[in-house]
Amino acid sequence: MPDLIAQGAQSNDRWRRSIPSRQNVVLGRTAAWAVPWDRQISRQHAELHWKHGRLQVRRLPDTRNPIFLLGKPSDHFFVKPGEQFVIGGTSFLVADEKVHVNADSPQPVTEQSFSPQFLQGLRFRNADQRIDVLSRL
């Protein structure tokens, strides 16, 4: 089942919820799926419904602020997994990612850590070398 991920301006302003398949959900500051950190979102802003592999989003009539899809205001639209919409300062991403964990995976053989002082002492001249070093961490 896909999830909806809400992400506000602050790193702790977020949640992830499973989208029910046969039920409408109301999104808003005080709705069933509350987004209390964003004052630009109405108490009940949008109705969500999973339909034919896509999330149907409908802006409720009493809202003041628009819902943006691809940078344009829209009152009714569908989003597929991997797509997002924005209300106020919060983005909403439809995610359908499955995480597969295998208990038989080998454990790392070695671990290496560096002190902040050591890392601050390193200097780089070229950005490609920076990426190369980071990829080896």
Protein backbone atom coordinates (compact mmCIF):
# COMPACT_ATOMS: atom_id res chain seq x y z
CA MET A 1 0.00 0.00 0.00
CA PRO A 2 1.41 3.45 -0.88
CA ASP A 3 2.21 6.14 1.67
CA LEU A 4 1.83 9.90 1.76
CA ILE A 5 4.86 11.75 3.12
CA ALA A 6 4.34 15.30 4.41
CA GLN A 7 7.45 17.49 4.80
CA GLY A 8 7.33 21.04 6.16
CA ALA A 9 10.00 23.72 6.34
CA GLN A 10 11.58 22.34 9.53
CA SER A 11 13.18 18.90 9.66
CA ASN A 12 10.86 17.76 12.46
CA ASP A 13 7.73 18.94 10.61
CA ARG A 14 6.98 15.68 8.84
CA TRP A 15 5.02 12.45 8.91
CA ARG A 16 4.42 9.38 6.79
CA ARG A 17 1.01 7.70 6.61
CA SER A 18 -0.31 4.68 4.71
CA ILE A 19 -3.02 5.64 2.23
CA PRO A 20 -6.16 3.55 2.81
CA SER A 21 -7.54 1.90 -0.31
CA ARG A 22 -11.29 2.22 0.25
CA GLN A 23 -11.64 5.31 2.39
CA ASN A 24 -11.57 9.08 1.91
CA VAL A 25 -9.14 10.97 4.13
CA VAL A 26 -9.25 14.68 4.96
CA LEU A 27 -5.96 16.55 5.05
CA GLY A 28 -5.63 19.79 7.04
CA ARG A 29 -4.37 21.44 10.23
CA THR A 30 -7.00 19.78 12.44
CA ALA A 31 -8.26 17.04 10.12
CA ALA A 32 -7.78 13.28 10.38
CA TRP A 33 -4.35 13.70 8.79
CA ALA A 34 -3.23 16.81 10.66
CA VAL A 35 -0.50 19.15 9.44
CA PRO A 36 -0.40 21.43 12.50
CA TRP A 37 2.90 23.16 11.66
CA ASP A 38 1.67 24.99 8.53
CA ARG A 39 -0.66 27.97 9.07
CA GLN A 40 -1.27 28.25 5.32
CA ILE A 41 -3.15 24.96 5.41
CA SER A 42 -6.81 25.21 6.40
CA ARG A 43 -8.25 23.12 9.22
CA GLN A 44 -9.78 20.90 6.53
CA HIS A 45 -8.02 21.60 3.25
CA ALA A 46 -8.20 18.61 0.91
CA GLU A 47 -9.93 15.29 0.49
CA LEU A 48 -7.75 12.36 -0.56
CA HIS A 49 -8.84 9.08 -2.14
CA TRP A 50 -6.74 6.24 -3.59
CA LYS A 51 -8.22 5.30 -6.96
CA HIS A 52 -6.85 3.12 -9.79
CA GLY A 53 -3.23 3.28 -8.59
CA ARG A 54 -3.26 7.06 -8.12
CA LEU A 55 -4.08 9.47 -5.32
CA GLN A 56 -7.05 11.68 -6.10
CA VAL A 57 -6.71 15.10 -4.42
CA ARG A 58 -9.66 17.48 -4.22
CA ARG A 59 -9.43 20.93 -2.64
CA LEU A 60 -12.31 21.54 -0.26
CA PRO A 61 -14.55 24.55 -1.03
CA ASP A 62 -13.96 26.56 2.17
CA THR A 63 -10.17 26.75 1.81
CA ARG A 64 -8.38 30.00 1.04
CA ASN A 65 -4.96 28.88 -0.17
CA PRO A 66 -4.41 26.89 -3.35
CA ILE A 67 -2.91 23.45 -3.81
CA PHE A 68 -0.01 23.44 -6.27
CA LEU A 69 0.72 20.65 -8.70
CA LEU A 70 3.80 21.13 -10.90
CA GLY A 71 3.94 24.76 -9.76
CA LYS A 72 0.38 25.60 -10.84
CA PRO A 73 -2.71 25.96 -8.64
CA SER A 74 -5.13 23.08 -9.06
CA ASP A 75 -8.39 22.19 -7.30
CA HIS A 76 -8.71 18.57 -8.44
CA PHE A 77 -6.01 16.24 -9.73
CA PHE A 78 -4.38 12.81 -9.51
CA VAL A 79 -0.82 12.04 -8.43
CA LYS A 80 1.05 8.78 -8.98
CA PRO A 81 3.75 7.30 -6.77
CA GLY A 82 6.86 9.46 -7.05
CA GLU A 83 4.87 12.65 -7.68
CA GLN A 84 4.14 15.43 -5.22
CA PHE A 85 1.90 18.41 -4.54
CA VAL A 86 2.35 21.45 -2.29
CA ILE A 87 0.07 23.30 0.12
CA GLY A 88 1.57 26.36 1.81
CA GLY A 89 5.10 25.49 2.88
CA THR A 90 4.50 21.74 3.02
CA SER A 91 5.13 19.24 0.23
CA PHE A 92 3.27 15.94 0.01
CA LEU A 93 4.92 13.03 -1.78
CA VAL A 94 3.17 9.80 -2.78
CA ALA A 95 5.64 6.98 -2.09
CA ASP A 96 5.25 3.33 -2.98
CA GLU A 97 8.65 2.07 -1.92
CA LYS A 98 9.07 -1.35 -0.45
CA VAL A 99 12.03 -2.05 1.79
CA HIS A 100 13.36 -5.59 1.64
CA VAL A 101 15.52 -6.65 4.55
CA ASN A 102 17.51 -9.84 4.37
CA ALA A 103 18.71 -11.20 7.71
CA ASP A 104 21.36 -13.24 5.88
CA SER A 105 23.21 -10.12 4.69
CA PRO A 106 26.84 -10.13 5.82
CA GLN A 107 27.86 -7.66 8.49
CA PRO A 108 30.53 -5.06 7.67
CA VAL A 109 34.06 -6.35 8.28
CA THR A 110 35.56 -3.06 9.44
CA GLU A 111 34.37 0.31 10.56
CA GLN A 112 36.35 3.52 10.48
CA SER A 113 35.50 6.81 12.12
CA PHE A 114 37.12 10.23 11.92
CA SER A 115 37.17 13.04 14.45
CA PRO A 116 35.71 16.41 13.46
CA GLN A 117 39.16 17.97 13.89
CA PHE A 118 40.71 15.50 11.44
CA LEU A 119 38.00 16.15 8.85
CA GLN A 120 38.30 19.92 9.26
CA GLY A 121 42.03 19.62 8.59
CA LEU A 122 41.44 18.10 5.14
CA ARG A 123 41.43 20.51 2.23
CA PHE A 124 40.16 19.89 -1.27
CA ARG A 125 40.84 21.80 -4.42
CA ASN A 126 38.51 20.07 -6.86
CA ALA A 127 34.85 19.27 -6.35
CA ASP A 128 35.15 15.92 -8.17
CA GLN A 129 37.74 14.83 -5.59
CA ARG A 130 35.31 15.78 -2.83
CA ILE A 131 32.63 13.56 -4.31
CA ASP A 132 35.15 10.74 -4.73
CA VAL A 133 36.18 10.94 -1.06
CA LEU A 134 32.56 11.09 0.10
CA SER A 135 31.65 8.07 -2.02
CA ARG A 136 34.30 6.02 -0.18
CA LEU A 137 32.97 6.86 3.31
